[in-house]
Amino acid sequence: MSRHLLETIRYFNVAGNIGYFTSDNSTANDTCMRALSTALANEYGVGFDPIERRVRCGGHIINLCLQAFLFASSKEALNAAIEETDGNANTTVVESLQAQLRQKNSKGKQRKVPEDQSGWRSMGPLGKLHNIAVYIRSSTVHSDAWERLAGDALGIDNATRWNSWYMLLRTALEKKDKVMVFQQEHHKALGDDSLTQDDWDVLRLTADFLQPFWQATQAQQKKWSSLDQLLYQMDILFKHFEDAKETYADNQRLIHSIYVGWYVLDKYYFKTDETPSEADLEPIPELLSINPINLVVMDGLIASK
């Protein structure tokens, strides 16, 4: 990558105008920045500090911490997945975590269902919902039956974007009665993937927890998105995690996921101090007292309802 960046810098003759680089959190990008800094210093005498000039993509930080919340079984599993994807551009963190789930679920067991399906089921209610969505899309007969019942598509998750899971969750909860009827009509085919009332309770809590992150990712996509707004959003999300650790302390099904997601946000939250352009922007203390569930974003400002 550094070679391609250097070629572009040469082409436009902008070696003396290098500012900051925004990229995702892969360690390969750290290597790229070091190589580019050395190359510019050798060729133009205008190197830069590869740590100070590295701005981390806010959307990717949010995406990664929610992937951890949804899929990681432990901090060790998460770190192993991140390390694997750093060395393999064709593998995402989600795919690596899913592979861990499938491997763990299949050890010493004879499966009567496809390994992919049983691996998803080991995730619990969210994995069951995934399998139902896949079943609906697996044939026109199933999808037509669903659309006759519900009126429109249920949707499907995407391995690289956590917000596709949020949309699937939200749609399923809005159409809970339709999903219940559909799984009753197809109970033999769905088998263990049928959602119970306890499963629906977990899905509701999960959707409620994810809502502020959905709002933050939508804000990051606006044309007025800026570093100071990213830091404010990270402060709010950090507090959301801290509050959730107290709120769901007795919920064993949710608290583990909250801690793993918090671990990622905490890791990259403090890495912003390495970049002066981010460290110089002071957060607004008042924002930390806002209930994140009530956040709205209007005209580039964050306010509470």
C-alpha atoms as a PDB file:
ATOM      1  CA  MET A   1       0.000   0.000   0.000  1.00  0.00           C
ATOM      2  CA  SER A   2       2.812   2.455   0.828  1.00  0.00           C
ATOM      3  CA  ARG A   3       4.165   2.022  -2.707  1.00  0.00           C
ATOM      4  CA  HIS A   4       0.829   3.043  -4.225  1.00  0.00           C
ATOM      5  CA  LEU A   5       0.546   6.037  -1.908  1.00  0.00           C
ATOM      6  CA  LEU A   6       4.075   7.118  -2.788  1.00  0.00           C
ATOM      7  CA  GLU A   7       3.284   6.884  -6.500  1.00  0.00           C
ATOM      8  CA  THR A   8       0.232   9.100  -5.989  1.00  0.00           C
ATOM      9  CA  ILE A   9       2.244  11.644  -3.988  1.00  0.00           C
ATOM     10  CA  ARG A  10       4.842  11.760  -6.753  1.00  0.00           C
ATOM     11  CA  TYR A  11       2.211  12.125  -9.475  1.00  0.00           C
ATOM     12  CA  PHE A  12       0.559  15.129  -7.834  1.00  0.00           C
ATOM     13  CA  ASN A  13       3.835  16.513  -6.442  1.00  0.00           C
ATOM     14  CA  VAL A  14       2.441  16.962  -2.930  1.00  0.00           C
ATOM     15  CA  ALA A  15       5.287  15.540  -0.828  1.00  0.00           C
ATOM     16  CA  GLY A  16       5.576  18.863   1.014  1.00  0.00           C
ATOM     17  CA  ASN A  17       1.874  18.981   1.827  1.00  0.00           C
ATOM     18  CA  ILE A  18       1.374  15.704   3.656  1.00  0.00           C
ATOM     19  CA  GLY A  19      -1.130  15.975   6.489  1.00  0.00           C
ATOM     20  CA  TYR A  20      -2.927  13.174   8.295  1.00  0.00           C
ATOM     21  CA  PHE A  21      -3.931   9.692   7.172  1.00  0.00           C
ATOM     22  CA  THR A  22      -7.291   8.186   8.091  1.00  0.00           C
ATOM     23  CA  SER A  23      -7.535   4.399   7.936  1.00  0.00           C
ATOM     24  CA  ASP A  24      -8.982   1.434   9.782  1.00  0.00           C
ATOM     25  CA  ASN A  25      -7.289  -0.182  12.774  1.00  0.00           C
ATOM     26  CA  SER A  26      -5.357  -2.957  11.047  1.00  0.00           C
ATOM     27  CA  THR A  27      -1.727  -3.118  12.134  1.00  0.00           C
ATOM     28  CA  ALA A  28      -0.890  -3.380   8.430  1.00  0.00           C
ATOM     29  CA  ASN A  29      -1.720   0.328   8.230  1.00  0.00           C
ATOM     30  CA  ASP A  30       0.839   1.064  10.965  1.00  0.00           C
ATOM     31  CA  THR A  31       3.427  -0.727   8.830  1.00  0.00           C
ATOM     32  CA  CYS A  32       2.272   1.231   5.789  1.00  0.00           C
ATOM     33  CA  MET A  33       2.683   4.575   7.589  1.00  0.00           C
ATOM     34  CA  ARG A  34       6.200   3.709   8.770  1.00  0.00           C
ATOM     35  CA  ALA A  35       7.250   2.617   5.284  1.00  0.00           C
ATOM     36  CA  LEU A  36       5.779   5.736   3.668  1.00  0.00           C
ATOM     37  CA  SER A  37       7.430   8.033   6.210  1.00  0.00           C
ATOM     38  CA  THR A  38      10.822   6.441   5.548  1.00  0.00           C
ATOM     39  CA  ALA A  39      10.350   6.603   1.773  1.00  0.00           C
ATOM     40  CA  LEU A  40       9.382  10.296   1.836  1.00  0.00           C
ATOM     41  CA  ALA A  41      12.318  11.131   4.106  1.00  0.00           C
ATOM     42  CA  ASN A  42      14.757   9.331   1.804  1.00  0.00           C
ATOM     43  CA  GLU A  43      13.365  10.751  -1.434  1.00  0.00           C
ATOM     44  CA  TYR A  44      12.186  14.232  -0.448  1.00  0.00           C
ATOM     45  CA  GLY A  45      13.650  14.861   2.998  1.00  0.00           C
ATOM     46  CA  VAL A  46      10.150  15.445   4.375  1.00  0.00           C
ATOM     47  CA  GLY A  47       9.314  12.461   6.531  1.00  0.00           C
ATOM     48  CA  PHE A  48       6.573  12.526   9.163  1.00  0.00           C
ATOM     49  CA  ASP A  49       5.811  10.841  12.470  1.00  0.00           C
ATOM     50  CA  PRO A  50       3.805   7.747  11.439  1.00  0.00           C
ATOM     51  CA  ILE A  51       2.111   7.506  14.853  1.00  0.00           C
ATOM     52  CA  GLU A  52       1.127  11.153  15.255  1.00  0.00           C
ATOM     53  CA  ARG A  53      -0.210  11.406  11.694  1.00  0.00           C
ATOM     54  CA  ARG A  54      -2.352   8.252  11.900  1.00  0.00           C
ATOM     55  CA  VAL A  55      -6.046   9.019  12.431  1.00  0.00           C
ATOM     56  CA  ARG A  56      -8.171   5.954  13.116  1.00  0.00           C
ATOM     57  CA  CYS A  57     -11.472   5.585  11.301  1.00  0.00           C
ATOM     58  CA  GLY A  58     -14.278   6.194  13.799  1.00  0.00           C
ATOM     59  CA  GLY A  59     -16.759   4.062  11.915  1.00  0.00           C
ATOM     60  CA  HIS A  60     -14.333   1.148  11.949  1.00  0.00           C
ATOM     61  CA  ILE A  61     -13.778   1.483  15.709  1.00  0.00           C
ATOM     62  CA  ILE A  62     -17.521   1.330  16.328  1.00  0.00           C
ATOM     63  CA  ASN A  63     -17.894  -1.545  13.873  1.00  0.00           C
ATOM     64  CA  LEU A  64     -15.086  -3.516  15.537  1.00  0.00           C
ATOM     65  CA  CYS A  65     -16.329  -3.076  19.102  1.00  0.00           C
ATOM     66  CA  LEU A  66     -19.840  -4.160  18.074  1.00  0.00           C
ATOM     67  CA  GLN A  67     -18.474  -7.158  16.164  1.00  0.00           C
ATOM     68  CA  ALA A  68     -16.767  -8.091  19.424  1.00  0.00           C
ATOM     69  CA  PHE A  69     -20.026  -7.574  21.330  1.00  0.00           C
ATOM     70  CA  LEU A  70     -21.954  -9.770  18.897  1.00  0.00           C
ATOM     71  CA  PHE A  71     -19.467 -12.549  18.161  1.00  0.00           C
ATOM     72  CA  ALA A  72     -16.424 -12.772  20.460  1.00  0.00           C
ATOM     73  CA  SER A  73     -16.389 -15.504  23.105  1.00  0.00           C
ATOM     74  CA  SER A  74     -13.482 -13.917  25.009  1.00  0.00           C
ATOM     75  CA  LYS A  75     -10.814 -11.209  24.825  1.00  0.00           C
ATOM     76  CA  GLU A  76      -8.310 -13.894  23.839  1.00  0.00           C
ATOM     77  CA  ALA A  77     -10.536 -15.082  20.993  1.00  0.00           C
ATOM     78  CA  LEU A  78     -10.998 -11.498  19.851  1.00  0.00           C
ATOM     79  CA  ASN A  79      -7.272 -10.740  19.886  1.00  0.00           C
ATOM     80  CA  ALA A  80      -6.610 -13.944  17.939  1.00  0.00           C
ATOM     81  CA  ALA A  81      -9.209 -12.927  15.342  1.00  0.00           C
ATOM     82  CA  ILE A  82      -7.739  -9.435  14.992  1.00  0.00           C
ATOM     83  CA  GLU A  83      -4.232 -10.878  14.646  1.00  0.00           C
ATOM     84  CA  GLU A  84      -5.410 -13.293  11.953  1.00  0.00           C
ATOM     85  CA  THR A  85      -7.116 -10.575   9.910  1.00  0.00           C
ATOM     86  CA  ASP A  86      -4.076  -8.306  10.191  1.00  0.00           C
ATOM     87  CA  GLY A  87      -2.139 -10.914   8.232  1.00  0.00           C
ATOM     88  CA  ASN A  88      -4.901 -11.793   5.796  1.00  0.00           C
ATOM     89  CA  ALA A  89      -6.636  -9.062   3.803  1.00  0.00           C
ATOM     90  CA  ASN A  90      -9.248 -11.544   2.581  1.00  0.00           C
ATOM     91  CA  THR A  91     -10.550 -12.386   6.076  1.00  0.00           C
ATOM     92  CA  THR A  92     -12.668 -10.139   8.308  1.00  0.00           C
ATOM     93  CA  VAL A  93     -12.758 -10.185  12.112  1.00  0.00           C
ATOM     94  CA  VAL A  94     -16.335 -11.458  11.974  1.00  0.00           C
ATOM     95  CA  GLU A  95     -15.415 -14.337   9.660  1.00  0.00           C
ATOM     96  CA  SER A  96     -12.540 -15.326  11.939  1.00  0.00           C
ATOM     97  CA  LEU A  97     -14.774 -15.229  15.036  1.00  0.00           C
ATOM     98  CA  GLN A  98     -17.455 -17.230  13.244  1.00  0.00           C
ATOM     99  CA  ALA A  99     -14.872 -19.842  12.265  1.00  0.00           C
ATOM    100  CA  GLN A 100     -13.888 -20.118  15.941  1.00  0.00           C
ATOM    101  CA  LEU A 101     -17.530 -20.707  16.859  1.00  0.00           C
ATOM    102  CA  ARG A 102     -17.952 -23.416  14.233  1.00  0.00           C
ATOM    103  CA  GLN A 103     -14.738 -25.156  15.279  1.00  0.00           C
ATOM    104  CA  LYS A 104     -15.673 -25.054  18.962  1.00  0.00           C
ATOM    105  CA  ASN A 105     -19.199 -26.262  18.270  1.00  0.00           C
ATOM    106  CA  SER A 106     -18.166 -29.200  16.077  1.00  0.00           C
ATOM    107  CA  LYS A 107     -15.430 -30.722  18.287  1.00  0.00           C
ATOM    108  CA  GLY A 108     -16.295 -34.285  19.202  1.00  0.00           C
ATOM    109  CA  LYS A 109     -19.860 -34.068  17.904  1.00  0.00           C
ATOM    110  CA  GLN A 110     -21.714 -35.727  15.093  1.00  0.00           C
ATOM    111  CA  ARG A 111     -23.916 -33.126  13.483  1.00  0.00           C
ATOM    112  CA  LYS A 112     -27.159 -33.748  11.629  1.00  0.00           C
ATOM    113  CA  VAL A 113     -27.262 -30.172  10.398  1.00  0.00           C
ATOM    114  CA  PRO A 114     -24.790 -28.251   8.233  1.00  0.00           C
ATOM    115  CA  GLU A 115     -21.773 -27.092  10.228  1.00  0.00           C
ATOM    116  CA  ASP A 116     -22.454 -23.494   9.221  1.00  0.00           C
ATOM    117  CA  GLN A 117     -25.950 -23.626  10.649  1.00  0.00           C
ATOM    118  CA  SER A 118     -24.972 -25.263  13.933  1.00  0.00           C
ATOM    119  CA  GLY A 119     -22.107 -22.803  14.338  1.00  0.00           C
ATOM    120  CA  TRP A 120     -24.472 -19.886  14.086  1.00  0.00           C
ATOM    121  CA  ARG A 121     -26.881 -21.522  16.529  1.00  0.00           C
ATOM    122  CA  SER A 122     -24.122 -21.656  19.145  1.00  0.00           C
ATOM    123  CA  MET A 123     -24.340 -17.841  19.249  1.00  0.00           C
ATOM    124  CA  GLY A 124     -27.731 -18.130  20.918  1.00  0.00           C
ATOM    125  CA  PRO A 125     -30.859 -16.154  19.941  1.00  0.00           C
ATOM    126  CA  LEU A 126     -29.048 -13.927  17.437  1.00  0.00           C
ATOM    127  CA  GLY A 127     -27.637 -16.985  15.680  1.00  0.00           C
ATOM    128  CA  LYS A 128     -31.087 -18.543  15.561  1.00  0.00           C
ATOM    129  CA  LEU A 129     -32.469 -15.378  13.979  1.00  0.00           C
ATOM    130  CA  HIS A 130     -29.672 -15.502  11.408  1.00  0.00           C
ATOM    131  CA  ASN A 131     -30.586 -19.088  10.508  1.00  0.00           C
ATOM    132  CA  ILE A 132     -34.265 -18.154  10.144  1.00  0.00           C
ATOM    133  CA  ALA A 133     -33.321 -15.287   7.811  1.00  0.00           C
ATOM    134  CA  VAL A 134     -31.104 -17.633   5.775  1.00  0.00           C
ATOM    135  CA  TYR A 135     -33.900 -20.214   5.614  1.00  0.00           C
ATOM    136  CA  ILE A 136     -36.328 -17.607   4.286  1.00  0.00           C
ATOM    137  CA  ARG A 137     -33.865 -16.608   1.569  1.00  0.00           C
ATOM    138  CA  SER A 138     -32.879 -20.186   0.734  1.00  0.00           C
ATOM    139  CA  SER A 139     -35.694 -20.663  -1.791  1.00  0.00           C
ATOM    140  CA  THR A 140     -38.396 -18.669  -3.554  1.00  0.00           C
ATOM    141  CA  VAL A 141     -40.997 -20.889  -1.872  1.00  0.00           C
ATOM    142  CA  HIS A 142     -39.816 -19.789   1.572  1.00  0.00           C
ATOM    143  CA  SER A 143     -39.349 -16.128   0.660  1.00  0.00           C
ATOM    144  CA  ASP A 144     -42.760 -15.957  -1.039  1.00  0.00           C
ATOM    145  CA  ALA A 145     -44.381 -17.568   2.008  1.00  0.00           C
ATOM    146  CA  TRP A 146     -42.735 -15.012   4.273  1.00  0.00           C
ATOM    147  CA  GLU A 147     -43.682 -12.016   2.117  1.00  0.00           C
ATOM    148  CA  ARG A 148     -47.298 -13.165   1.877  1.00  0.00           C
ATOM    149  CA  LEU A 149     -47.338 -13.321   5.646  1.00  0.00           C
ATOM    150  CA  ALA A 150     -45.342 -10.199   6.536  1.00  0.00           C
ATOM    151  CA  GLY A 151     -45.723  -7.951   3.495  1.00  0.00           C
ATOM    152  CA  ASP A 152     -42.017  -7.322   2.895  1.00  0.00           C
ATOM    153  CA  ALA A 153     -38.567  -8.868   3.345  1.00  0.00           C
ATOM    154  CA  LEU A 154     -37.094  -9.755   6.733  1.00  0.00           C
ATOM    155  CA  GLY A 155     -33.586  -8.894   5.555  1.00  0.00           C
ATOM    156  CA  ILE A 156     -30.261 -10.585   6.201  1.00  0.00           C
ATOM    157  CA  ASP A 157     -27.112  -9.768   8.132  1.00  0.00           C
ATOM    158  CA  ASN A 158     -23.822  -8.879   6.487  1.00  0.00           C
ATOM    159  CA  ALA A 159     -20.559 -10.369   7.767  1.00  0.00           C
ATOM    160  CA  THR A 160     -18.626  -7.100   7.562  1.00  0.00           C
ATOM    161  CA  ARG A 161     -21.118  -4.579   8.966  1.00  0.00           C
ATOM    162  CA  TRP A 162     -22.630  -4.877  12.414  1.00  0.00           C
ATOM    163  CA  ASN A 163     -25.446  -2.434  11.583  1.00  0.00           C
ATOM    164  CA  SER A 164     -26.948  -4.989   9.204  1.00  0.00           C
ATOM    165  CA  TRP A 165     -27.487  -7.116  12.320  1.00  0.00           C
ATOM    166  CA  TYR A 166     -29.186  -4.201  14.031  1.00  0.00           C
ATOM    167  CA  MET A 167     -31.522  -3.734  11.062  1.00  0.00           C
ATOM    168  CA  LEU A 168     -32.331  -7.466  11.046  1.00  0.00           C
ATOM    169  CA  LEU A 169     -32.987  -7.320  14.785  1.00  0.00           C
ATOM    170  CA  ARG A 170     -35.192  -4.260  14.503  1.00  0.00           C
ATOM    171  CA  THR A 171     -37.233  -5.697  11.638  1.00  0.00           C
ATOM    172  CA  ALA A 172     -37.662  -9.041  13.402  1.00  0.00           C
ATOM    173  CA  LEU A 173     -38.828  -7.354  16.606  1.00  0.00           C
ATOM    174  CA  GLU A 174     -41.277  -5.183  14.679  1.00  0.00           C
ATOM    175  CA  LYS A 175     -42.632  -8.315  12.987  1.00  0.00           C
ATOM    176  CA  LYS A 176     -42.339 -10.645  15.954  1.00  0.00           C
ATOM    177  CA  ASP A 177     -45.904 -11.974  15.554  1.00  0.00           C
ATOM    178  CA  LYS A 178     -45.240 -12.768  11.883  1.00  0.00           C
ATOM    179  CA  VAL A 179     -41.956 -14.504  12.700  1.00  0.00           C
ATOM    180  CA  MET A 180     -43.716 -16.613  15.343  1.00  0.00           C
ATOM    181  CA  VAL A 181     -46.396 -17.671  12.850  1.00  0.00           C
ATOM    182  CA  PHE A 182     -43.773 -18.430  10.174  1.00  0.00           C
ATOM    183  CA  GLN A 183     -41.637 -20.576  12.461  1.00  0.00           C
ATOM    184  CA  GLN A 184     -44.728 -22.452  13.626  1.00  0.00           C
ATOM    185  CA  GLU A 185     -45.623 -23.224  10.007  1.00  0.00           C
ATOM    186  CA  HIS A 186     -42.023 -24.348   9.330  1.00  0.00           C
ATOM    187  CA  HIS A 187     -41.186 -25.804  12.740  1.00  0.00           C
ATOM    188  CA  LYS A 188     -39.958 -29.143  11.372  1.00  0.00           C
ATOM    189  CA  ALA A 189     -37.472 -27.491   9.030  1.00  0.00           C
ATOM    190  CA  LEU A 190     -36.321 -24.859  11.534  1.00  0.00           C
ATOM    191  CA  GLY A 191     -36.062 -27.295  14.442  1.00  0.00           C
ATOM    192  CA  ASP A 192     -33.783 -25.928  17.167  1.00  0.00           C
ATOM    193  CA  ASP A 193     -33.637 -22.547  15.430  1.00  0.00           C
ATOM    194  CA  SER A 194     -37.188 -21.673  16.515  1.00  0.00           C
ATOM    195  CA  LEU A 195     -37.142 -18.658  18.823  1.00  0.00           C
ATOM    196  CA  THR A 196     -38.589 -18.983  22.330  1.00  0.00           C
ATOM    197  CA  GLN A 197     -39.954 -16.137  24.451  1.00  0.00           C
ATOM    198  CA  ASP A 198     -36.680 -16.079  26.393  1.00  0.00           C
ATOM    199  CA  ASP A 199     -34.865 -15.696  23.069  1.00  0.00           C
ATOM    200  CA  TRP A 200     -37.083 -12.747  22.145  1.00  0.00           C
ATOM    201  CA  ASP A 201     -36.302 -11.115  25.487  1.00  0.00           C
ATOM    202  CA  VAL A 202     -32.575 -11.382  24.742  1.00  0.00           C
ATOM    203  CA  LEU A 203     -33.073  -9.978  21.233  1.00  0.00           C
ATOM    204  CA  ARG A 204     -34.998  -7.011  22.653  1.00  0.00           C
ATOM    205  CA  LEU A 205     -32.278  -6.231  25.201  1.00  0.00           C
ATOM    206  CA  THR A 206     -29.626  -6.565  22.488  1.00  0.00           C
ATOM    207  CA  ALA A 207     -31.460  -4.173  20.155  1.00  0.00           C
ATOM    208  CA  ASP A 208     -31.908  -1.638  22.957  1.00  0.00           C
ATOM    209  CA  PHE A 209     -28.200  -1.816  23.773  1.00  0.00           C
ATOM    210  CA  LEU A 210     -27.193  -1.369  20.120  1.00  0.00           C
ATOM    211  CA  GLN A 211     -29.390   1.661  19.410  1.00  0.00           C
ATOM    212  CA  PRO A 212     -26.869   4.376  20.422  1.00  0.00           C
ATOM    213  CA  PHE A 213     -24.209   2.728  18.248  1.00  0.00           C
ATOM    214  CA  TRP A 214     -26.599   2.798  15.307  1.00  0.00           C
ATOM    215  CA  GLN A 215     -27.075   6.535  15.852  1.00  0.00           C
ATOM    216  CA  ALA A 216     -23.319   7.073  16.082  1.00  0.00           C
ATOM    217  CA  THR A 217     -22.596   5.233  12.825  1.00  0.00           C
ATOM    218  CA  GLN A 218     -25.297   7.235  11.055  1.00  0.00           C
ATOM    219  CA  ALA A 219     -23.703  10.451  12.322  1.00  0.00           C
ATOM    220  CA  GLN A 220     -20.268   9.294  11.101  1.00  0.00           C
ATOM    221  CA  GLN A 221     -21.646   9.008   7.572  1.00  0.00           C
ATOM    222  CA  LYS A 222     -22.791  12.644   7.410  1.00  0.00           C
ATOM    223  CA  LYS A 223     -20.883  15.133   5.290  1.00  0.00           C
ATOM    224  CA  TRP A 224     -20.280  17.288   8.369  1.00  0.00           C
ATOM    225  CA  SER A 225     -18.725  14.454  10.401  1.00  0.00           C
ATOM    226  CA  SER A 226     -15.532  15.645  12.106  1.00  0.00           C
ATOM    227  CA  LEU A 227     -12.888  14.553  14.609  1.00  0.00           C
ATOM    228  CA  ASP A 228     -14.367  16.508  17.502  1.00  0.00           C
ATOM    229  CA  GLN A 229     -17.781  14.936  16.914  1.00  0.00           C
ATOM    230  CA  LEU A 230     -16.190  11.487  16.768  1.00  0.00           C
ATOM    231  CA  LEU A 231     -14.556  12.057  20.157  1.00  0.00           C
ATOM    232  CA  TYR A 232     -17.833  13.268  21.657  1.00  0.00           C
ATOM    233  CA  GLN A 233     -19.592  10.183  20.308  1.00  0.00           C
ATOM    234  CA  MET A 234     -16.883   7.901  21.677  1.00  0.00           C
ATOM    235  CA  ASP A 235     -17.228   9.547  25.103  1.00  0.00           C
ATOM    236  CA  ILE A 236     -20.969   8.920  25.041  1.00  0.00           C
ATOM    237  CA  LEU A 237     -20.593   5.316  23.864  1.00  0.00           C
ATOM    238  CA  PHE A 238     -17.919   4.703  26.472  1.00  0.00           C
ATOM    239  CA  LYS A 239     -20.322   5.887  29.175  1.00  0.00           C
ATOM    240  CA  HIS A 240     -23.057   3.740  27.618  1.00  0.00           C
ATOM    241  CA  PHE A 241     -20.830   0.682  28.087  1.00  0.00           C
ATOM    242  CA  GLU A 242     -20.002   1.690  31.665  1.00  0.00           C
ATOM    243  CA  ASP A 243     -23.675   2.159  32.520  1.00  0.00           C
ATOM    244  CA  ALA A 244     -24.584  -1.134  30.833  1.00  0.00           C
ATOM    245  CA  LYS A 245     -22.039  -3.005  32.962  1.00  0.00           C
ATOM    246  CA  GLU A 246     -24.045  -1.937  36.014  1.00  0.00           C
ATOM    247  CA  THR A 247     -27.507  -2.279  34.480  1.00  0.00           C
ATOM    248  CA  TYR A 248     -26.932  -5.819  33.191  1.00  0.00           C
ATOM    249  CA  ALA A 249     -24.566  -7.028  35.923  1.00  0.00           C
ATOM    250  CA  ASP A 250     -26.905  -9.923  36.759  1.00  0.00           C
ATOM    251  CA  ASN A 251     -27.655 -10.842  33.142  1.00  0.00           C
ATOM    252  CA  GLN A 252     -25.078 -13.527  32.370  1.00  0.00           C
ATOM    253  CA  ARG A 253     -26.170 -13.796  28.731  1.00  0.00           C
ATOM    254  CA  LEU A 254     -25.509 -10.118  28.048  1.00  0.00           C
ATOM    255  CA  ILE A 255     -22.846  -8.956  30.484  1.00  0.00           C
ATOM    256  CA  HIS A 256     -20.073 -11.037  28.882  1.00  0.00           C
ATOM    257  CA  SER A 257     -20.752  -9.496  25.465  1.00  0.00           C
ATOM    258  CA  ILE A 258     -20.789  -6.024  27.004  1.00  0.00           C
ATOM    259  CA  TYR A 259     -17.356  -6.520  28.580  1.00  0.00           C
ATOM    260  CA  VAL A 260     -15.803  -7.807  25.352  1.00  0.00           C
ATOM    261  CA  GLY A 261     -17.245  -4.898  23.342  1.00  0.00           C
ATOM    262  CA  TRP A 262     -16.086  -2.430  26.002  1.00  0.00           C
ATOM    263  CA  TYR A 263     -12.587  -3.938  25.810  1.00  0.00           C
ATOM    264  CA  VAL A 264     -12.302  -2.935  22.129  1.00  0.00           C
ATOM    265  CA  LEU A 265     -13.709   0.576  22.567  1.00  0.00           C
ATOM    266  CA  ASP A 266     -11.419   1.132  25.555  1.00  0.00           C
ATOM    267  CA  LYS A 267      -8.407  -0.041  23.552  1.00  0.00           C
ATOM    268  CA  TYR A 268      -8.942   2.380  20.667  1.00  0.00           C
ATOM    269  CA  TYR A 269     -10.402   5.170  22.796  1.00  0.00           C
ATOM    270  CA  PHE A 270      -7.021   5.707  24.432  1.00  0.00           C
ATOM    271  CA  LYS A 271      -5.132   5.327  21.161  1.00  0.00           C
ATOM    272  CA  THR A 272      -6.645   8.668  20.092  1.00  0.00           C
ATOM    273  CA  ASP A 273      -4.172  10.306  22.507  1.00  0.00           C
ATOM    274  CA  GLU A 274      -1.357   9.266  20.157  1.00  0.00           C
ATOM    275  CA  THR A 275      -2.605  11.716  17.516  1.00  0.00           C
ATOM    276  CA  PRO A 276      -2.275  15.437  18.416  1.00  0.00           C
ATOM    277  CA  SER A 277      -5.133  16.390  16.093  1.00  0.00           C
ATOM    278  CA  GLU A 278      -7.420  14.278  18.287  1.00  0.00           C
ATOM    279  CA  ALA A 279      -5.774  14.830  21.673  1.00  0.00           C
ATOM    280  CA  ASP A 280      -6.047  18.627  21.292  1.00  0.00           C
ATOM    281  CA  LEU A 281      -9.826  18.424  20.980  1.00  0.00           C
ATOM    282  CA  GLU A 282     -11.346  18.564  24.449  1.00  0.00           C
ATOM    283  CA  PRO A 283     -14.572  16.653  25.110  1.00  0.00           C
ATOM    284  CA  ILE A 284     -17.625  18.454  26.461  1.00  0.00           C
ATOM    285  CA  PRO A 285     -18.192  17.157  30.031  1.00  0.00           C
ATOM    286  CA  GLU A 286     -21.914  17.908  29.850  1.00  0.00           C
ATOM    287  CA  LEU A 287     -22.314  15.331  27.097  1.00  0.00           C
ATOM    288  CA  LEU A 288     -21.305  12.571  29.478  1.00  0.00           C
ATOM    289  CA  SER A 289     -24.470  13.109  31.532  1.00  0.00           C
ATOM    290  CA  ILE A 290     -26.788  12.569  28.556  1.00  0.00           C
ATOM    291  CA  ASN A 291     -28.728   9.326  28.403  1.00  0.00           C
ATOM    292  CA  PRO A 292     -27.362   7.783  25.162  1.00  0.00           C
ATOM    293  CA  ILE A 293     -30.744   6.247  24.345  1.00  0.00           C
ATOM    294  CA  ASN A 294     -32.142   9.777  23.945  1.00  0.00           C
ATOM    295  CA  LEU A 295     -29.460  11.109  21.616  1.00  0.00           C
ATOM    296  CA  VAL A 296     -30.483  12.796  18.405  1.00  0.00           C
ATOM    297  CA  VAL A 297     -28.260  14.342  15.756  1.00  0.00           C
ATOM    298  CA  MET A 298     -29.413  17.509  13.990  1.00  0.00           C
ATOM    299  CA  ASP A 299     -27.531  19.973  11.794  1.00  0.00           C
ATOM    300  CA  GLY A 300     -24.174  18.667  12.912  1.00  0.00           C
ATOM    301  CA  LEU A 301     -24.902  19.065  16.619  1.00  0.00           C
ATOM    302  CA  ILE A 302     -25.510  16.384  19.221  1.00  0.00           C
ATOM    303  CA  ALA A 303     -28.371  17.153  21.567  1.00  0.00           C
ATOM    304  CA  SER A 304     -30.688  15.349  23.927  1.00  0.00           C
ATOM    305  CA  LYS A 305     -34.413  15.017  23.453  1.00  0.00           C
END
